[in-house]
Amino acid sequence: MNQLNLTLPNWIDSFLAKYPKIISDPEEQMRFVLALTERNIREKTGGPFGAAVFEQDSGKLVSVGVNVVIQQNCSAAHAEMMALMLAQKELDHYDLGDARFPAHRLVTSGKMCAMCLGNVCWSGIKEVLSSAEPEDVEKITGFDEGPAPQNYNQELERRGIKIKPELLRSEGQAVLQLYVDLGGHVYNATR
C-alpha cells in the first residue's frame, strides 16, 4: 500500500459541461460553488462542501473539489483539499503562487476547517472567498470544524492571503440545511 488515488464523483464532468470555463464575477463564482455543493448533496456522493480554484484576475476555472470523505475512505478528502490538490496537479507544481503562474483564488462553500486552513496557507493561494462560517457548519450540521485560531482572517492576511468571508452566507447556510433535511451523515471521527 504505497499509493493513494483520490477521485471526484462521476457526475463532475457533466456538471462542468453546463458552465463556462471563465466565471469572472466573484458572486457568480460562489453561486457556481454552491451549485456544485448542492449537486454533491443531492447525488449523495459526499458531505455538504464544495470548492473551486480560479485564476484571480481572469476568472478561469482551474479545478473543483467536493467533499468525498466517506466515498474515498479518507478524512483528508475535504472539498478544499481536493480542489487545491487538483489545481496543483493541473499546473504540475506544488506552489500555486509561483511567479510563473497568475494569482489564484479559492472559492469555498464554507470557511475552511483547521486542516483546510493549513493547506491554504501552504498552497500558494492568494485569495479566499468563503460563504458559510464555521459556526454555521457546526450549528446547522454538527460537523466539527477543529481548532482554528481566533484571529483566522488576520492569520491569512499576515501570510499575504486576502480573505473575503460571508459571501452569499445565507445561501451557504441553506445548502448546509439541505444536507440535514435530506438526512446527510455527519461523519465526525468517534469522540
Protein backbone atom coordinates (compact mmCIF):
# COMPACT_ATOMS: atom_id res chain seq x y z
CA MET A 1 0.00 0.00 0.00
CA ASN A 2 2.30 2.77 -1.20
CA GLN A 3 -0.08 4.67 -3.48
CA LEU A 4 -3.04 6.94 -2.88
CA ASN A 5 -5.68 7.60 -5.52
CA LEU A 6 -8.46 10.06 -4.69
CA THR A 7 -11.19 10.80 -7.24
CA LEU A 8 -14.18 13.07 -7.55
CA PRO A 9 -17.64 11.65 -8.31
CA ASN A 10 -18.50 10.61 -11.88
CA TRP A 11 -21.10 13.38 -12.31
CA ILE A 12 -18.46 16.17 -12.10
CA ASP A 13 -17.76 16.24 -15.85
CA SER A 14 -21.45 16.61 -16.79
CA PHE A 15 -21.83 19.33 -14.15
CA LEU A 16 -18.83 21.26 -15.51
CA ALA A 17 -20.12 20.96 -19.09
CA LYS A 18 -23.07 23.19 -18.15
CA TYR A 19 -20.88 26.12 -17.07
CA PRO A 20 -18.47 28.45 -18.85
CA LYS A 21 -14.75 27.91 -18.38
CA ILE A 22 -14.39 31.53 -17.28
CA ILE A 23 -16.52 32.99 -14.49
CA SER A 24 -15.12 36.42 -13.71
CA ASP A 25 -17.64 37.75 -11.15
CA PRO A 26 -16.84 36.62 -7.56
CA GLU A 27 -20.52 36.24 -6.66
CA GLU A 28 -21.08 34.09 -9.75
CA GLN A 29 -18.05 32.01 -8.76
CA MET A 30 -19.65 31.46 -5.36
CA ARG A 31 -23.01 30.56 -6.94
CA PHE A 32 -21.14 28.01 -9.07
CA VAL A 33 -19.51 26.51 -5.96
CA LEU A 34 -22.81 26.42 -4.06
CA ALA A 35 -24.47 24.67 -7.04
CA LEU A 36 -21.56 22.19 -7.09
CA THR A 37 -22.06 21.59 -3.37
CA GLU A 38 -25.80 21.13 -3.76
CA ARG A 39 -25.24 18.60 -6.53
CA ASN A 40 -22.86 16.65 -4.26
CA ILE A 41 -25.59 16.57 -1.60
CA ARG A 42 -28.37 15.54 -3.97
CA GLU A 43 -26.20 12.84 -5.58
CA LYS A 44 -25.34 11.58 -2.08
CA THR A 45 -21.66 11.43 -3.02
CA GLY A 46 -20.28 13.35 -0.06
CA GLY A 47 -20.58 15.97 2.61
CA PRO A 48 -22.10 19.44 2.16
CA PHE A 49 -18.96 21.18 0.99
CA GLY A 50 -17.66 22.32 -2.39
CA ALA A 51 -14.75 24.42 -3.61
CA ALA A 52 -13.08 25.66 -6.77
CA VAL A 53 -9.79 27.27 -7.74
CA PHE A 54 -9.96 30.14 -10.23
CA GLU A 55 -7.33 32.40 -11.73
CA GLN A 56 -7.86 35.53 -9.67
CA ASP A 57 -7.86 38.11 -12.47
CA SER A 58 -9.26 36.22 -15.46
CA GLY A 59 -11.80 34.04 -13.64
CA LYS A 60 -10.59 30.95 -15.50
CA LEU A 61 -11.65 27.78 -13.68
CA VAL A 62 -8.61 25.65 -12.80
CA SER A 63 -10.15 22.90 -10.65
CA VAL A 64 -13.09 21.91 -8.50
CA GLY A 65 -13.47 19.79 -5.40
CA VAL A 66 -16.29 18.33 -3.38
CA ASN A 67 -16.17 16.56 -0.07
CA VAL A 68 -15.68 12.83 -0.70
CA VAL A 69 -14.50 11.71 2.76
CA ILE A 70 -16.86 8.72 3.06
CA GLN A 71 -16.76 7.74 -0.61
CA GLN A 72 -12.94 7.70 -0.62
CA ASN A 73 -12.45 6.48 2.99
CA CYS A 74 -10.11 9.39 3.60
CA SER A 75 -10.61 12.00 6.32
CA ALA A 76 -8.45 14.46 4.32
CA ALA A 77 -10.73 14.35 1.24
CA HIS A 78 -12.38 17.69 2.01
CA ALA A 79 -13.60 19.88 -0.86
CA GLU A 80 -10.86 22.47 -0.43
CA MET A 81 -8.15 19.83 -0.20
CA MET A 82 -9.42 18.14 -3.37
CA ALA A 83 -9.67 21.44 -5.30
CA LEU A 84 -6.19 22.55 -4.23
CA MET A 85 -4.55 19.20 -4.96
CA LEU A 86 -6.21 19.02 -8.38
CA ALA A 87 -5.13 22.60 -9.18
CA GLN A 88 -1.55 21.70 -8.26
CA LYS A 89 -1.77 18.61 -10.44
CA GLU A 90 -3.26 20.66 -13.32
CA LEU A 91 -0.38 23.17 -13.10
CA ASP A 92 2.16 20.43 -12.39
CA HIS A 93 3.51 22.38 -9.44
CA TYR A 94 3.00 22.29 -5.68
CA ASP A 95 3.04 26.11 -5.35
CA LEU A 96 0.02 27.84 -6.90
CA GLY A 97 1.69 31.15 -6.03
CA ASP A 98 4.81 30.50 -8.11
CA ALA A 99 5.79 33.58 -10.15
CA ARG A 100 5.25 31.64 -13.40
CA PHE A 101 1.50 31.47 -12.74
CA PRO A 102 -1.25 34.06 -12.39
CA ALA A 103 -2.57 34.57 -8.85
CA HIS A 104 -5.19 32.02 -7.79
CA ARG A 105 -8.34 32.30 -5.70
CA LEU A 106 -10.03 29.55 -3.71
CA VAL A 107 -13.83 29.82 -3.56
CA THR A 108 -15.40 27.62 -0.92
CA SER A 109 -18.93 26.94 0.31
CA GLY A 110 -17.77 27.23 3.92
CA LYS A 111 -14.85 28.90 5.62
CA MET A 112 -12.09 26.32 5.93
CA CYS A 113 -11.80 23.88 8.82
CA ALA A 114 -8.49 23.69 10.69
CA MET A 115 -6.98 21.17 8.22
CA CYS A 116 -8.02 23.06 5.08
CA LEU A 117 -6.83 26.33 6.59
CA GLY A 118 -3.34 24.85 6.90
CA ASN A 119 -3.40 23.67 3.30
CA VAL A 120 -4.48 27.11 2.10
CA CYS A 121 -1.52 28.65 3.92
CA TRP A 122 0.92 26.31 2.17
CA SER A 123 -0.75 26.04 -1.25
CA GLY A 124 0.24 29.40 -2.71
CA ILE A 125 -3.37 30.63 -2.97
CA LYS A 126 -3.55 34.45 -2.92
CA GLU A 127 -7.23 34.94 -2.05
CA VAL A 128 -10.09 33.03 -0.43
CA LEU A 129 -13.81 33.68 -0.85
CA SER A 130 -15.99 31.76 1.60
CA SER A 131 -19.72 31.55 2.25
CA ALA A 132 -20.88 29.84 5.46
CA GLU A 133 -18.92 30.47 8.63
CA PRO A 134 -17.54 27.67 10.87
CA GLU A 135 -20.22 28.38 13.47
CA ASP A 136 -22.86 27.87 10.74
CA VAL A 137 -21.37 24.49 9.85
CA GLU A 138 -21.24 23.36 13.48
CA LYS A 139 -24.68 24.71 14.44
CA ILE A 140 -26.58 23.56 11.34
CA THR A 141 -24.90 20.21 10.62
CA GLY A 142 -22.96 19.20 13.73
CA PHE A 143 -19.65 18.78 11.89
CA ASP A 144 -16.56 19.59 13.98
CA GLU A 145 -14.51 22.31 12.28
CA GLY A 146 -11.49 21.81 14.52
CA PRO A 147 -9.26 24.22 16.42
CA ALA A 148 -8.96 27.15 14.03
CA PRO A 149 -7.32 30.26 15.52
CA GLN A 150 -9.49 33.08 16.88
CA ASN A 151 -7.76 35.56 14.56
CA TYR A 152 -8.35 33.37 11.49
CA ASN A 153 -8.72 36.21 8.95
CA GLN A 154 -5.71 38.12 10.27
CA GLU A 155 -3.54 34.99 10.12
CA LEU A 156 -4.33 34.61 6.42
CA GLU A 157 -3.81 38.32 5.72
CA ARG A 158 -0.48 38.20 7.58
CA ARG A 159 0.60 35.49 5.14
CA GLY A 160 -0.41 37.60 2.15
CA ILE A 161 -3.70 35.78 1.54
CA LYS A 162 -6.74 38.02 1.15
CA ILE A 163 -9.96 36.64 2.63
CA LYS A 164 -13.50 37.69 1.83
CA PRO A 165 -15.75 35.73 4.20
CA GLU A 166 -19.54 35.52 4.32
CA LEU A 167 -20.08 35.92 0.56
CA LEU A 168 -23.69 34.79 -0.04
CA ARG A 169 -23.67 33.46 3.54
CA SER A 170 -27.43 32.84 3.73
CA GLU A 171 -27.23 30.75 0.54
CA GLY A 172 -24.33 28.81 2.04
CA GLN A 173 -26.37 28.20 5.18
CA ALA A 174 -29.29 26.98 3.05
CA VAL A 175 -27.05 24.40 1.35
CA LEU A 176 -25.94 23.13 4.77
CA GLN A 177 -29.58 22.91 5.86
CA LEU A 178 -30.41 20.95 2.69
CA TYR A 179 -27.83 18.34 3.72
CA VAL A 180 -29.52 17.98 7.10
CA ASP A 181 -33.02 17.93 5.58
CA LEU A 182 -32.02 15.13 3.19
CA GLY A 183 -30.56 13.05 6.02
CA GLY A 184 -26.89 13.63 5.29
CA HIS A 185 -24.49 11.70 7.51
CA VAL A 186 -22.32 13.63 9.98
CA TYR A 187 -19.16 11.54 9.95
CA ASN A 188 -17.04 13.13 12.68
CA ALA A 189 -14.46 10.70 13.97
CA THR A 190 -15.59 8.96 17.14
CA ARG A 191 -15.13 11.17 20.14
